[in-house]
Amino acid sequence: MRDTFTLCGKSVLPGTRQRIDVPLPDLSSQTLITMPVHVVHGKKKGPVLFISAAIHGDELNGIEIIRSILATKAINRLHGTLVAVPVVNTYGLINMSRYLPDRRDLNRSFPGSETGSLAARLAYLFMNTIVSHCTHGIDLHTGSGHRSNLPQIRADLDDSETEKLARSFGVPVLLNASLRDGSLRAAANELGIPILLYEAGEASRYNDICIRAGVRGVFNVMRCLNMLPESKNTPRRQPFIARSSLWLRAPQSGLFKPTVKLGQSVVKGDVIGYIAEPSDGALVEVKSNSTGIVIGSMELPVVHEGDAIVHIARFNDDNEEVAEHVETFQQDYNDMVGANG
């Protein structure tokens, strides 16, 4: 038998699961507040994987992904330990805000400080209570600021273990993203913990395709780590790796209407949308200054000059082949959503 798994002074026996409410600093009304953590401690040895969501309080897809995973019978056969945190930034969820009450971005506050700002204290607590006890991690996100993201994995793909997990996730596009100071990925990397960041959909709303792809992706990673038995499903197509990306910015203020969709291939010079002047209705073309695949797009028409409006990933591979792979991926999940109502 394995040893018990201890978190925040609570012990979880092998072959059992338990919800542990980690105390957080009170609200200004002195209302008690906690960070709920679900621990599934398998009978057999294996990795300790954390899954986190809502580091930004308005990013909801990840919460539903974790709920769906915990409701699946498959995790009862788990080798190793799953530590699932559906809402890291409880304060942000309460206020439907990306940020904490101190207006700081939690994902720029790691590894945190025990005596710092509220954001620094929450980051420190999460690192020392959760992350430092794990061997691997998956952090779930959506687009921000009324922007929607194509399902994608962002990770340090120059690390062989991380790349293996990223390829196993099952999304068509992997982005070799540099580590940002203050991010959870950077802090986990300092501890030698391979971590994936799943980006999909838009803040403040559910997207069934992004949720289903996220659930399947997490299970794929768990199988890759031998935490669950291999699936008998048809092998997945290999993803394409983007080595760089850039945001196209609004050349002027107005109302933006895109003419491209997520996953679409664009060539430098293509018209990717129009900005209308609300006073006289004049249209200004917005052209791509790069060749690649659209992986992010502004959903709110109102833009100001300089706003990021379309995100393009650049590949060494044939863009049409990448776009075809993305289209197949989207159709597969569209069919799955349709079949399940």
C-alpha atoms as a PDB file:
ATOM      1  CA  MET A   1       0.000   0.000   0.000  1.00  0.00           C
ATOM      2  CA  ARG A   2       1.076   3.544  -0.705  1.00  0.00           C
ATOM      3  CA  ASP A   3       1.579   6.153   1.956  1.00  0.00           C
ATOM      4  CA  THR A   4      -1.214   8.610   2.631  1.00  0.00           C
ATOM      5  CA  PHE A   5      -1.148  11.896   0.732  1.00  0.00           C
ATOM      6  CA  THR A   6      -1.129  14.914   3.028  1.00  0.00           C
ATOM      7  CA  LEU A   7      -2.307  18.355   1.988  1.00  0.00           C
ATOM      8  CA  CYS A   8      -2.938  21.300   4.311  1.00  0.00           C
ATOM      9  CA  GLY A   9      -2.772  18.970   7.319  1.00  0.00           C
ATOM     10  CA  LYS A  10      -5.392  16.589   5.896  1.00  0.00           C
ATOM     11  CA  SER A  11      -4.510  12.969   5.086  1.00  0.00           C
ATOM     12  CA  VAL A  12      -5.945  11.124   2.082  1.00  0.00           C
ATOM     13  CA  LEU A  13      -5.706   7.333   2.194  1.00  0.00           C
ATOM     14  CA  PRO A  14      -4.706   5.295  -0.883  1.00  0.00           C
ATOM     15  CA  GLY A  15      -7.721   4.384  -2.998  1.00  0.00           C
ATOM     16  CA  THR A  16      -9.812   7.279  -1.689  1.00  0.00           C
ATOM     17  CA  ARG A  17     -10.679  10.821  -2.686  1.00  0.00           C
ATOM     18  CA  GLN A  18     -11.320  13.874  -0.593  1.00  0.00           C
ATOM     19  CA  ARG A  19     -12.188  17.559  -0.942  1.00  0.00           C
ATOM     20  CA  ILE A  20      -9.954  19.826   1.111  1.00  0.00           C
ATOM     21  CA  ASP A  21     -10.838  23.493   1.601  1.00  0.00           C
ATOM     22  CA  VAL A  22      -7.628  25.496   1.848  1.00  0.00           C
ATOM     23  CA  PRO A  23      -8.174  28.692   3.912  1.00  0.00           C
ATOM     24  CA  LEU A  24      -7.539  32.002   2.133  1.00  0.00           C
ATOM     25  CA  PRO A  25      -7.420  35.569   3.502  1.00  0.00           C
ATOM     26  CA  ASP A  26     -10.938  36.713   4.422  1.00  0.00           C
ATOM     27  CA  LEU A  27     -13.026  39.022   2.272  1.00  0.00           C
ATOM     28  CA  SER A  28     -13.199  42.658   3.398  1.00  0.00           C
ATOM     29  CA  SER A  29     -16.503  41.799   5.109  1.00  0.00           C
ATOM     30  CA  GLN A  30     -14.538  39.212   7.130  1.00  0.00           C
ATOM     31  CA  THR A  31     -16.440  36.472   5.321  1.00  0.00           C
ATOM     32  CA  LEU A  32     -14.455  33.240   5.376  1.00  0.00           C
ATOM     33  CA  ILE A  33     -13.182  32.132   1.970  1.00  0.00           C
ATOM     34  CA  THR A  34     -11.386  28.985   0.806  1.00  0.00           C
ATOM     35  CA  MET A  35      -9.764  27.411  -2.227  1.00  0.00           C
ATOM     36  CA  PRO A  36     -11.394  23.989  -2.820  1.00  0.00           C
ATOM     37  CA  VAL A  37      -8.929  21.223  -3.710  1.00  0.00           C
ATOM     38  CA  HIS A  38      -9.958  17.714  -4.801  1.00  0.00           C
ATOM     39  CA  VAL A  39      -7.432  14.944  -4.147  1.00  0.00           C
ATOM     40  CA  VAL A  40      -7.801  11.544  -5.810  1.00  0.00           C
ATOM     41  CA  HIS A  41      -5.141   9.288  -4.288  1.00  0.00           C
ATOM     42  CA  GLY A  42      -4.749   6.051  -6.233  1.00  0.00           C
ATOM     43  CA  LYS A  43      -3.914   2.714  -4.658  1.00  0.00           C
ATOM     44  CA  LYS A  44      -0.867   2.269  -6.879  1.00  0.00           C
ATOM     45  CA  LYS A  45       2.205   4.431  -7.226  1.00  0.00           C
ATOM     46  CA  GLY A  46       2.532   6.969 -10.005  1.00  0.00           C
ATOM     47  CA  PRO A  47       2.989  10.674 -10.762  1.00  0.00           C
ATOM     48  CA  VAL A  48       1.315  13.441  -8.795  1.00  0.00           C
ATOM     49  CA  LEU A  49      -0.490  15.636 -11.331  1.00  0.00           C
ATOM     50  CA  PHE A  50      -2.112  18.956 -10.485  1.00  0.00           C
ATOM     51  CA  ILE A  51      -4.779  20.513 -12.703  1.00  0.00           C
ATOM     52  CA  SER A  52      -5.606  24.152 -12.030  1.00  0.00           C
ATOM     53  CA  ALA A  53      -8.269  26.469 -13.401  1.00  0.00           C
ATOM     54  CA  ALA A  54      -9.515  30.024 -12.864  1.00  0.00           C
ATOM     55  CA  ILE A  55      -6.162  31.523 -11.982  1.00  0.00           C
ATOM     56  CA  HIS A  56      -7.942  34.333 -13.780  1.00  0.00           C
ATOM     57  CA  GLY A  57     -11.338  34.469 -12.093  1.00  0.00           C
ATOM     58  CA  ASP A  58     -13.386  35.053 -15.253  1.00  0.00           C
ATOM     59  CA  GLU A  59     -11.981  32.040 -17.152  1.00  0.00           C
ATOM     60  CA  LEU A  60     -14.713  29.441 -16.750  1.00  0.00           C
ATOM     61  CA  ASN A  61     -14.025  26.628 -19.242  1.00  0.00           C
ATOM     62  CA  GLY A  62     -11.367  25.102 -16.995  1.00  0.00           C
ATOM     63  CA  ILE A  63     -13.769  24.899 -14.052  1.00  0.00           C
ATOM     64  CA  GLU A  64     -16.147  22.788 -16.134  1.00  0.00           C
ATOM     65  CA  ILE A  65     -13.272  20.679 -17.485  1.00  0.00           C
ATOM     66  CA  ILE A  66     -12.209  19.773 -13.947  1.00  0.00           C
ATOM     67  CA  ARG A  67     -15.821  19.111 -12.871  1.00  0.00           C
ATOM     68  CA  SER A  68     -16.231  16.712 -15.803  1.00  0.00           C
ATOM     69  CA  ILE A  69     -12.966  14.918 -15.034  1.00  0.00           C
ATOM     70  CA  LEU A  70     -13.857  14.420 -11.375  1.00  0.00           C
ATOM     71  CA  ALA A  71     -17.264  13.052 -12.395  1.00  0.00           C
ATOM     72  CA  THR A  72     -15.704  10.392 -14.657  1.00  0.00           C
ATOM     73  CA  LYS A  73     -15.460   6.841 -13.329  1.00  0.00           C
ATOM     74  CA  ALA A  74     -12.111   6.332 -15.069  1.00  0.00           C
ATOM     75  CA  ILE A  75     -10.216   8.187 -12.347  1.00  0.00           C
ATOM     76  CA  ASN A  76     -11.214   5.499  -9.846  1.00  0.00           C
ATOM     77  CA  ARG A  77      -8.567   3.316 -11.549  1.00  0.00           C
ATOM     78  CA  LEU A  78      -5.902   5.964 -11.120  1.00  0.00           C
ATOM     79  CA  HIS A  79      -2.229   5.149 -10.630  1.00  0.00           C
ATOM     80  CA  GLY A  80      -0.607   8.000  -8.738  1.00  0.00           C
ATOM     81  CA  THR A  81      -2.396  11.088  -7.444  1.00  0.00           C
ATOM     82  CA  LEU A  82      -4.567  13.753  -9.010  1.00  0.00           C
ATOM     83  CA  VAL A  83      -4.761  17.154  -7.311  1.00  0.00           C
ATOM     84  CA  ALA A  84      -7.530  19.178  -8.974  1.00  0.00           C
ATOM     85  CA  VAL A  85      -8.086  22.851  -8.164  1.00  0.00           C
ATOM     86  CA  PRO A  86     -11.147  24.108 -10.089  1.00  0.00           C
ATOM     87  CA  VAL A  87     -10.925  27.684  -8.747  1.00  0.00           C
ATOM     88  CA  VAL A  88      -7.541  29.068  -7.741  1.00  0.00           C
ATOM     89  CA  ASN A  89      -8.609  32.725  -7.766  1.00  0.00           C
ATOM     90  CA  THR A  90     -11.798  32.509  -5.711  1.00  0.00           C
ATOM     91  CA  TYR A  91     -11.843  36.291  -5.299  1.00  0.00           C
ATOM     92  CA  GLY A  92     -11.873  36.811  -9.068  1.00  0.00           C
ATOM     93  CA  LEU A  93     -14.683  34.286  -9.583  1.00  0.00           C
ATOM     94  CA  ILE A  94     -16.847  36.032  -6.979  1.00  0.00           C
ATOM     95  CA  ASN A  95     -16.334  39.376  -8.734  1.00  0.00           C
ATOM     96  CA  MET A  96     -16.314  37.902 -12.278  1.00  0.00           C
ATOM     97  CA  SER A  97     -12.939  39.544 -12.724  1.00  0.00           C
ATOM     98  CA  ARG A  98      -9.662  38.397 -14.247  1.00  0.00           C
ATOM     99  CA  TYR A  99      -7.808  40.015 -11.368  1.00  0.00           C
ATOM    100  CA  LEU A 100      -7.687  39.953  -7.594  1.00  0.00           C
ATOM    101  CA  PRO A 101      -9.203  42.716  -5.430  1.00  0.00           C
ATOM    102  CA  ASP A 102      -5.771  44.402  -5.353  1.00  0.00           C
ATOM    103  CA  ARG A 103      -5.999  44.647  -9.192  1.00  0.00           C
ATOM    104  CA  ARG A 104      -3.002  42.376  -9.637  1.00  0.00           C
ATOM    105  CA  ASP A 105      -2.754  39.531 -12.127  1.00  0.00           C
ATOM    106  CA  LEU A 106      -2.183  36.303 -10.192  1.00  0.00           C
ATOM    107  CA  ASN A 107      -0.365  34.791 -13.167  1.00  0.00           C
ATOM    108  CA  ARG A 108       2.262  37.523 -12.912  1.00  0.00           C
ATOM    109  CA  SER A 109       2.716  37.094  -9.153  1.00  0.00           C
ATOM    110  CA  PHE A 110       4.432  33.692  -8.836  1.00  0.00           C
ATOM    111  CA  PRO A 111       6.230  32.285  -6.906  1.00  0.00           C
ATOM    112  CA  GLY A 112       4.746  34.815  -4.516  1.00  0.00           C
ATOM    113  CA  SER A 113       5.592  35.946  -1.024  1.00  0.00           C
ATOM    114  CA  GLU A 114       4.215  35.020   2.375  1.00  0.00           C
ATOM    115  CA  THR A 115       4.278  38.682   3.429  1.00  0.00           C
ATOM    116  CA  GLY A 116       3.548  40.452   0.117  1.00  0.00           C
ATOM    117  CA  SER A 117       0.383  41.697  -1.572  1.00  0.00           C
ATOM    118  CA  LEU A 118      -2.817  39.644  -1.671  1.00  0.00           C
ATOM    119  CA  ALA A 119      -1.816  38.314  -5.105  1.00  0.00           C
ATOM    120  CA  ALA A 120       1.681  37.453  -3.865  1.00  0.00           C
ATOM    121  CA  ARG A 121       0.267  35.666  -0.808  1.00  0.00           C
ATOM    122  CA  LEU A 122      -2.181  33.613  -2.880  1.00  0.00           C
ATOM    123  CA  ALA A 123       0.592  32.690  -5.336  1.00  0.00           C
ATOM    124  CA  TYR A 124       2.872  31.679  -2.456  1.00  0.00           C
ATOM    125  CA  LEU A 125       0.102  29.587  -0.871  1.00  0.00           C
ATOM    126  CA  PHE A 126      -0.677  27.811  -4.147  1.00  0.00           C
ATOM    127  CA  MET A 127       2.991  27.083  -4.862  1.00  0.00           C
ATOM    128  CA  ASN A 128       3.742  25.738  -1.399  1.00  0.00           C
ATOM    129  CA  THR A 129       0.459  23.941  -0.697  1.00  0.00           C
ATOM    130  CA  ILE A 130      -0.140  22.426  -4.150  1.00  0.00           C
ATOM    131  CA  VAL A 131       2.548  22.755  -6.794  1.00  0.00           C
ATOM    132  CA  SER A 132       5.605  21.850  -4.697  1.00  0.00           C
ATOM    133  CA  HIS A 133       4.012  18.469  -3.844  1.00  0.00           C
ATOM    134  CA  CYS A 134       3.409  17.518  -7.491  1.00  0.00           C
ATOM    135  CA  THR A 135       5.511  16.058 -10.290  1.00  0.00           C
ATOM    136  CA  HIS A 136       3.560  17.442 -13.286  1.00  0.00           C
ATOM    137  CA  GLY A 137       0.944  20.116 -13.964  1.00  0.00           C
ATOM    138  CA  ILE A 138      -1.732  21.323 -16.396  1.00  0.00           C
ATOM    139  CA  ASP A 139      -2.998  24.890 -16.116  1.00  0.00           C
ATOM    140  CA  LEU A 140      -6.312  25.671 -17.868  1.00  0.00           C
ATOM    141  CA  HIS A 141      -6.996  29.089 -19.421  1.00  0.00           C
ATOM    142  CA  THR A 142      -9.132  30.979 -21.950  1.00  0.00           C
ATOM    143  CA  GLY A 143      -8.568  34.112 -23.980  1.00  0.00           C
ATOM    144  CA  SER A 144      -8.790  37.439 -22.164  1.00  0.00           C
ATOM    145  CA  GLY A 145     -10.217  40.856 -22.918  1.00  0.00           C
ATOM    146  CA  HIS A 146     -13.059  39.631 -25.178  1.00  0.00           C
ATOM    147  CA  ARG A 147     -10.638  37.538 -27.239  1.00  0.00           C
ATOM    148  CA  SER A 148     -11.247  33.906 -28.140  1.00  0.00           C
ATOM    149  CA  ASN A 149      -8.504  31.319 -28.558  1.00  0.00           C
ATOM    150  CA  LEU A 150      -8.308  28.234 -30.759  1.00  0.00           C
ATOM    151  CA  PRO A 151      -7.691  25.167 -28.534  1.00  0.00           C
ATOM    152  CA  GLN A 152      -3.914  25.077 -28.181  1.00  0.00           C
ATOM    153  CA  ILE A 153      -1.131  24.060 -25.833  1.00  0.00           C
ATOM    154  CA  ARG A 154       1.538  26.542 -24.796  1.00  0.00           C
ATOM    155  CA  ALA A 155       4.637  25.033 -23.239  1.00  0.00           C
ATOM    156  CA  ASP A 156       8.419  24.881 -23.170  1.00  0.00           C
ATOM    157  CA  LEU A 157       8.745  22.463 -26.066  1.00  0.00           C
ATOM    158  CA  ASP A 158      12.541  22.509 -25.853  1.00  0.00           C
ATOM    159  CA  ASP A 159      12.148  20.284 -22.775  1.00  0.00           C
ATOM    160  CA  SER A 160      11.701  16.691 -23.967  1.00  0.00           C
ATOM    161  CA  GLU A 161       9.355  15.586 -21.157  1.00  0.00           C
ATOM    162  CA  THR A 162       7.137  18.638 -21.597  1.00  0.00           C
ATOM    163  CA  GLU A 163       7.063  18.188 -25.367  1.00  0.00           C
ATOM    164  CA  LYS A 164       6.011  14.548 -24.977  1.00  0.00           C
ATOM    165  CA  LEU A 165       3.095  15.549 -22.756  1.00  0.00           C
ATOM    166  CA  ALA A 166       2.137  18.417 -25.073  1.00  0.00           C
ATOM    167  CA  ARG A 167       2.024  16.117 -28.093  1.00  0.00           C
ATOM    168  CA  SER A 168      -0.125  13.642 -26.181  1.00  0.00           C
ATOM    169  CA  PHE A 169      -2.783  16.244 -25.279  1.00  0.00           C
ATOM    170  CA  GLY A 170      -4.444  15.966 -28.674  1.00  0.00           C
ATOM    171  CA  VAL A 171      -4.878  19.534 -29.923  1.00  0.00           C
ATOM    172  CA  PRO A 172      -3.706  20.400 -33.445  1.00  0.00           C
ATOM    173  CA  VAL A 173      -1.504  23.372 -32.506  1.00  0.00           C
ATOM    174  CA  LEU A 174       1.352  23.565 -30.000  1.00  0.00           C
ATOM    175  CA  LEU A 175       2.987  26.908 -29.316  1.00  0.00           C
ATOM    176  CA  ASN A 176       6.576  26.925 -28.088  1.00  0.00           C
ATOM    177  CA  ALA A 177       5.997  29.788 -25.664  1.00  0.00           C
ATOM    178  CA  SER A 178       8.767  31.457 -23.697  1.00  0.00           C
ATOM    179  CA  LEU A 179       8.434  31.567 -19.910  1.00  0.00           C
ATOM    180  CA  ARG A 180       7.084  34.847 -18.542  1.00  0.00           C
ATOM    181  CA  ASP A 181       8.391  36.259 -15.281  1.00  0.00           C
ATOM    182  CA  GLY A 182       5.812  35.843 -12.546  1.00  0.00           C
ATOM    183  CA  SER A 183       3.826  33.146 -14.345  1.00  0.00           C
ATOM    184  CA  LEU A 184       2.883  29.792 -12.854  1.00  0.00           C
ATOM    185  CA  ARG A 185       4.735  28.088 -15.720  1.00  0.00           C
ATOM    186  CA  ALA A 186       7.951  29.913 -14.867  1.00  0.00           C
ATOM    187  CA  ALA A 187       7.641  29.149 -11.151  1.00  0.00           C
ATOM    188  CA  ALA A 188       6.899  25.454 -11.806  1.00  0.00           C
ATOM    189  CA  ASN A 189       9.832  25.296 -14.216  1.00  0.00           C
ATOM    190  CA  GLU A 190      12.125  26.558 -11.435  1.00  0.00           C
ATOM    191  CA  LEU A 191      11.037  23.521  -9.401  1.00  0.00           C
ATOM    192  CA  GLY A 192      11.701  21.182 -12.342  1.00  0.00           C
ATOM    193  CA  ILE A 193       7.981  20.432 -12.817  1.00  0.00           C
ATOM    194  CA  PRO A 194       6.855  19.948 -16.456  1.00  0.00           C
ATOM    195  CA  ILE A 195       3.688  21.970 -17.011  1.00  0.00           C
ATOM    196  CA  LEU A 196       1.282  22.525 -19.905  1.00  0.00           C
ATOM    197  CA  LEU A 197      -0.915  25.578 -20.403  1.00  0.00           C
ATOM    198  CA  TYR A 198      -4.163  24.819 -22.244  1.00  0.00           C
ATOM    199  CA  GLU A 199      -5.685  27.877 -23.932  1.00  0.00           C
ATOM    200  CA  ALA A 200      -9.161  27.587 -25.427  1.00  0.00           C
ATOM    201  CA  GLY A 201     -12.241  29.746 -25.835  1.00  0.00           C
ATOM    202  CA  GLU A 202     -13.204  33.077 -24.333  1.00  0.00           C
ATOM    203  CA  ALA A 203     -13.487  34.391 -20.773  1.00  0.00           C
ATOM    204  CA  SER A 204     -16.852  34.605 -18.983  1.00  0.00           C
ATOM    205  CA  ARG A 205     -18.571  31.935 -21.080  1.00  0.00           C
ATOM    206  CA  TYR A 206     -18.581  28.208 -21.762  1.00  0.00           C
ATOM    207  CA  ASN A 207     -17.538  26.687 -25.083  1.00  0.00           C
ATOM    208  CA  ASP A 208     -18.561  23.031 -25.417  1.00  0.00           C
ATOM    209  CA  ILE A 209     -15.905  22.175 -28.005  1.00  0.00           C
ATOM    210  CA  CYS A 210     -13.122  23.718 -25.900  1.00  0.00           C
ATOM    211  CA  ILE A 211     -14.390  21.942 -22.784  1.00  0.00           C
ATOM    212  CA  ARG A 212     -14.641  18.521 -24.423  1.00  0.00           C
ATOM    213  CA  ALA A 213     -11.214  18.907 -26.033  1.00  0.00           C
ATOM    214  CA  GLY A 214      -9.811  19.901 -22.645  1.00  0.00           C
ATOM    215  CA  VAL A 215     -11.322  16.919 -20.833  1.00  0.00           C
ATOM    216  CA  ARG A 216     -10.040  14.494 -23.445  1.00  0.00           C
ATOM    217  CA  GLY A 217      -6.660  16.216 -23.472  1.00  0.00           C
ATOM    218  CA  VAL A 218      -6.174  15.880 -19.720  1.00  0.00           C
ATOM    219  CA  PHE A 219      -7.055  12.192 -19.893  1.00  0.00           C
ATOM    220  CA  ASN A 220      -4.610  11.776 -22.791  1.00  0.00           C
ATOM    221  CA  VAL A 221      -1.844  13.278 -20.656  1.00  0.00           C
ATOM    222  CA  MET A 222      -2.759  11.004 -17.745  1.00  0.00           C
ATOM    223  CA  ARG A 223      -2.473   8.007 -20.083  1.00  0.00           C
ATOM    224  CA  CYS A 224       0.877   9.279 -21.344  1.00  0.00           C
ATOM    225  CA  LEU A 225       2.035   9.397 -17.702  1.00  0.00           C
ATOM    226  CA  ASN A 226       0.737   5.836 -17.159  1.00  0.00           C
ATOM    227  CA  MET A 227      -1.738   7.126 -14.592  1.00  0.00           C
ATOM    228  CA  LEU A 228      -4.554   5.501 -16.599  1.00  0.00           C
ATOM    229  CA  PRO A 229      -4.601   2.538 -19.026  1.00  0.00           C
ATOM    230  CA  GLU A 230      -4.069   3.273 -22.712  1.00  0.00           C
ATOM    231  CA  SER A 231      -7.147   4.051 -24.799  1.00  0.00           C
ATOM    232  CA  LYS A 232      -8.252   1.756 -27.633  1.00  0.00           C
ATOM    233  CA  ASN A 233      -9.256   4.770 -29.742  1.00  0.00           C
ATOM    234  CA  THR A 234      -7.673   5.432 -33.123  1.00  0.00           C
ATOM    235  CA  PRO A 235      -4.242   7.064 -32.740  1.00  0.00           C
ATOM    236  CA  ARG A 236      -4.312  10.868 -32.985  1.00  0.00           C
ATOM    237  CA  ARG A 237      -2.672  12.832 -35.768  1.00  0.00           C
ATOM    238  CA  GLN A 238       0.539  14.518 -34.712  1.00  0.00           C
ATOM    239  CA  PRO A 239       0.145  18.211 -33.825  1.00  0.00           C
ATOM    240  CA  PHE A 240       1.967  21.048 -35.557  1.00  0.00           C
ATOM    241  CA  ILE A 241       4.432  23.166 -33.587  1.00  0.00           C
ATOM    242  CA  ALA A 242       4.428  26.948 -33.944  1.00  0.00           C
ATOM    243  CA  ARG A 243       7.808  28.427 -33.123  1.00  0.00           C
ATOM    244  CA  SER A 244       6.514  32.015 -32.974  1.00  0.00           C
ATOM    245  CA  SER A 245       3.324  34.053 -33.042  1.00  0.00           C
ATOM    246  CA  LEU A 246       2.239  37.674 -33.232  1.00  0.00           C
ATOM    247  CA  TRP A 247      -0.851  39.778 -32.632  1.00  0.00           C
ATOM    248  CA  LEU A 248      -2.082  42.020 -35.447  1.00  0.00           C
ATOM    249  CA  ARG A 249      -3.121  45.396 -34.038  1.00  0.00           C
ATOM    250  CA  ALA A 250      -5.877  47.773 -35.050  1.00  0.00           C
ATOM    251  CA  PRO A 251      -4.476  50.502 -37.335  1.00  0.00           C
ATOM    252  CA  GLN A 252      -7.204  52.882 -36.131  1.00  0.00           C
ATOM    253  CA  SER A 253     -10.151  53.057 -33.750  1.00  0.00           C
ATOM    254  CA  GLY A 254     -13.668  52.007 -34.743  1.00  0.00           C
ATOM    255  CA  LEU A 255     -15.780  48.856 -35.065  1.00  0.00           C
ATOM    256  CA  PHE A 256     -13.879  45.756 -36.130  1.00  0.00           C
ATOM    257  CA  LYS A 257     -15.460  42.998 -38.223  1.00  0.00           C
ATOM    258  CA  PRO A 258     -13.130  40.040 -38.901  1.00  0.00           C
ATOM    259  CA  THR A 259     -13.281  38.130 -42.177  1.00  0.00           C
ATOM    260  CA  VAL A 260     -11.179  35.204 -40.911  1.00  0.00           C
ATOM    261  CA  LYS A 261     -12.032  32.434 -38.451  1.00  0.00           C
ATOM    262  CA  LEU A 262     -10.028  30.593 -35.825  1.00  0.00           C
ATOM    263  CA  GLY A 263      -7.911  27.921 -37.491  1.00  0.00           C
ATOM    264  CA  GLN A 264      -7.918  29.628 -40.886  1.00  0.00           C
ATOM    265  CA  SER A 265      -4.751  29.943 -42.957  1.00  0.00           C
ATOM    266  CA  VAL A 266      -3.697  33.479 -43.921  1.00  0.00           C
ATOM    267  CA  VAL A 267      -0.949  34.822 -46.159  1.00  0.00           C
ATOM    268  CA  LYS A 268       0.915  38.079 -45.688  1.00  0.00           C
ATOM    269  CA  GLY A 269      -1.152  40.793 -47.356  1.00  0.00           C
ATOM    270  CA  ASP A 270      -4.515  39.013 -46.934  1.00  0.00           C
ATOM    271  CA  VAL A 271      -7.435  41.122 -45.703  1.00  0.00           C
ATOM    272  CA  ILE A 272      -8.316  39.758 -42.265  1.00  0.00           C
ATOM    273  CA  GLY A 273     -11.115  42.209 -41.511  1.00  0.00           C
ATOM    274  CA  TYR A 274     -12.440  45.750 -41.697  1.00  0.00           C
ATOM    275  CA  ILE A 275     -12.685  48.617 -39.257  1.00  0.00           C
ATOM    276  CA  ALA A 276     -15.779  50.759 -39.732  1.00  0.00           C
ATOM    277  CA  GLU A 277     -15.852  54.410 -38.730  1.00  0.00           C
ATOM    278  CA  PRO A 278     -19.119  54.680 -36.748  1.00  0.00           C
ATOM    279  CA  SER A 279     -19.668  58.335 -37.714  1.00  0.00           C
ATOM    280  CA  ASP A 280     -19.801  57.913 -41.516  1.00  0.00           C
ATOM    281  CA  GLY A 281     -19.561  54.137 -42.086  1.00  0.00           C
ATOM    282  CA  ALA A 282     -16.293  54.305 -44.024  1.00  0.00           C
ATOM    283  CA  LEU A 283     -14.420  50.958 -44.066  1.00  0.00           C
ATOM    284  CA  VAL A 284     -10.688  50.525 -43.589  1.00  0.00           C
ATOM    285  CA  GLU A 285      -9.063  47.233 -44.616  1.00  0.00           C
ATOM    286  CA  VAL A 286      -6.943  45.416 -42.048  1.00  0.00           C
ATOM    287  CA  LYS A 287      -4.277  43.293 -43.707  1.00  0.00           C
ATOM    288  CA  SER A 288      -2.120  40.540 -42.276  1.00  0.00           C
ATOM    289  CA  ASN A 289       1.569  41.335 -41.994  1.00  0.00           C
ATOM    290  CA  SER A 290       2.459  37.667 -41.605  1.00  0.00           C
ATOM    291  CA  THR A 291       1.710  34.204 -42.988  1.00  0.00           C
ATOM    292  CA  GLY A 292       0.314  31.571 -40.632  1.00  0.00           C
ATOM    293  CA  ILE A 293      -2.782  30.242 -38.850  1.00  0.00           C
ATOM    294  CA  VAL A 294      -5.303  32.297 -36.882  1.00  0.00           C
ATOM    295  CA  ILE A 295      -5.189  31.067 -33.263  1.00  0.00           C
ATOM    296  CA  GLY A 296      -6.862  34.012 -31.536  1.00  0.00           C
ATOM    297  CA  SER A 297      -9.385  36.701 -32.416  1.00  0.00           C
ATOM    298  CA  MET A 298     -11.073  39.732 -30.894  1.00  0.00           C
ATOM    299  CA  GLU A 299     -14.786  39.053 -30.253  1.00  0.00           C
ATOM    300  CA  LEU A 300     -15.818  42.572 -29.210  1.00  0.00           C
ATOM    301  CA  PRO A 301     -16.297  44.873 -32.235  1.00  0.00           C
ATOM    302  CA  VAL A 302     -15.308  48.097 -30.433  1.00  0.00           C
ATOM    303  CA  VAL A 303     -11.553  48.617 -30.801  1.00  0.00           C
ATOM    304  CA  HIS A 304      -9.054  51.396 -30.281  1.00  0.00           C
ATOM    305  CA  GLU A 305      -5.961  52.054 -32.325  1.00  0.00           C
ATOM    306  CA  GLY A 306      -3.259  49.600 -31.236  1.00  0.00           C
ATOM    307  CA  ASP A 307      -5.634  46.972 -29.784  1.00  0.00           C
ATOM    308  CA  ALA A 308      -4.643  43.344 -30.427  1.00  0.00           C
ATOM    309  CA  ILE A 309      -7.304  41.960 -32.762  1.00  0.00           C
ATOM    310  CA  VAL A 310      -6.029  38.779 -34.488  1.00  0.00           C
ATOM    311  CA  HIS A 311      -3.373  36.339 -33.229  1.00  0.00           C
ATOM    312  CA  ILE A 312      -1.368  34.492 -35.887  1.00  0.00           C
ATOM    313  CA  ALA A 313       0.891  31.498 -35.257  1.00  0.00           C
ATOM    314  CA  ARG A 314       3.758  30.903 -37.668  1.00  0.00           C
ATOM    315  CA  PHE A 315       4.850  27.414 -38.724  1.00  0.00           C
ATOM    316  CA  ASN A 316       7.654  25.829 -40.690  1.00  0.00           C
ATOM    317  CA  ASP A 317       5.063  23.383 -42.048  1.00  0.00           C
ATOM    318  CA  ASP A 318       2.635  23.907 -44.926  1.00  0.00           C
ATOM    319  CA  ASN A 319      -0.046  26.288 -43.591  1.00  0.00           C
ATOM    320  CA  GLU A 320      -2.776  24.631 -45.637  1.00  0.00           C
ATOM    321  CA  GLU A 321      -1.932  21.278 -44.064  1.00  0.00           C
ATOM    322  CA  VAL A 322      -2.092  22.827 -40.587  1.00  0.00           C
ATOM    323  CA  ALA A 323      -5.423  24.484 -41.400  1.00  0.00           C
ATOM    324  CA  GLU A 324      -6.808  21.174 -42.682  1.00  0.00           C
ATOM    325  CA  HIS A 325      -5.754  19.445 -39.456  1.00  0.00           C
ATOM    326  CA  VAL A 326      -7.427  22.193 -37.394  1.00  0.00           C
ATOM    327  CA  GLU A 327     -10.612  21.940 -39.459  1.00  0.00           C
ATOM    328  CA  THR A 328     -10.749  18.158 -38.947  1.00  0.00           C
ATOM    329  CA  PHE A 329     -10.238  18.650 -35.205  1.00  0.00           C
ATOM    330  CA  GLN A 330     -13.032  21.229 -35.036  1.00  0.00           C
ATOM    331  CA  GLN A 331     -15.407  19.080 -37.086  1.00  0.00           C
ATOM    332  CA  ASP A 332     -14.756  16.038 -34.892  1.00  0.00           C
ATOM    333  CA  TYR A 333     -15.691  17.978 -31.770  1.00  0.00           C
ATOM    334  CA  ASN A 334     -18.626  19.690 -33.487  1.00  0.00           C
ATOM    335  CA  ASP A 335     -19.971  16.240 -34.334  1.00  0.00           C
ATOM    336  CA  MET A 336     -19.366  15.081 -30.766  1.00  0.00           C
ATOM    337  CA  VAL A 337     -21.231  18.056 -29.311  1.00  0.00           C
ATOM    338  CA  GLY A 338     -24.083  17.585 -31.802  1.00  0.00           C
ATOM    339  CA  ALA A 339     -24.365  13.882 -31.011  1.00  0.00           C
ATOM    340  CA  ASN A 340     -24.694  14.664 -27.301  1.00  0.00           C
ATOM    341  CA  GLY A 341     -27.210  17.445 -27.730  1.00  0.00           C
END
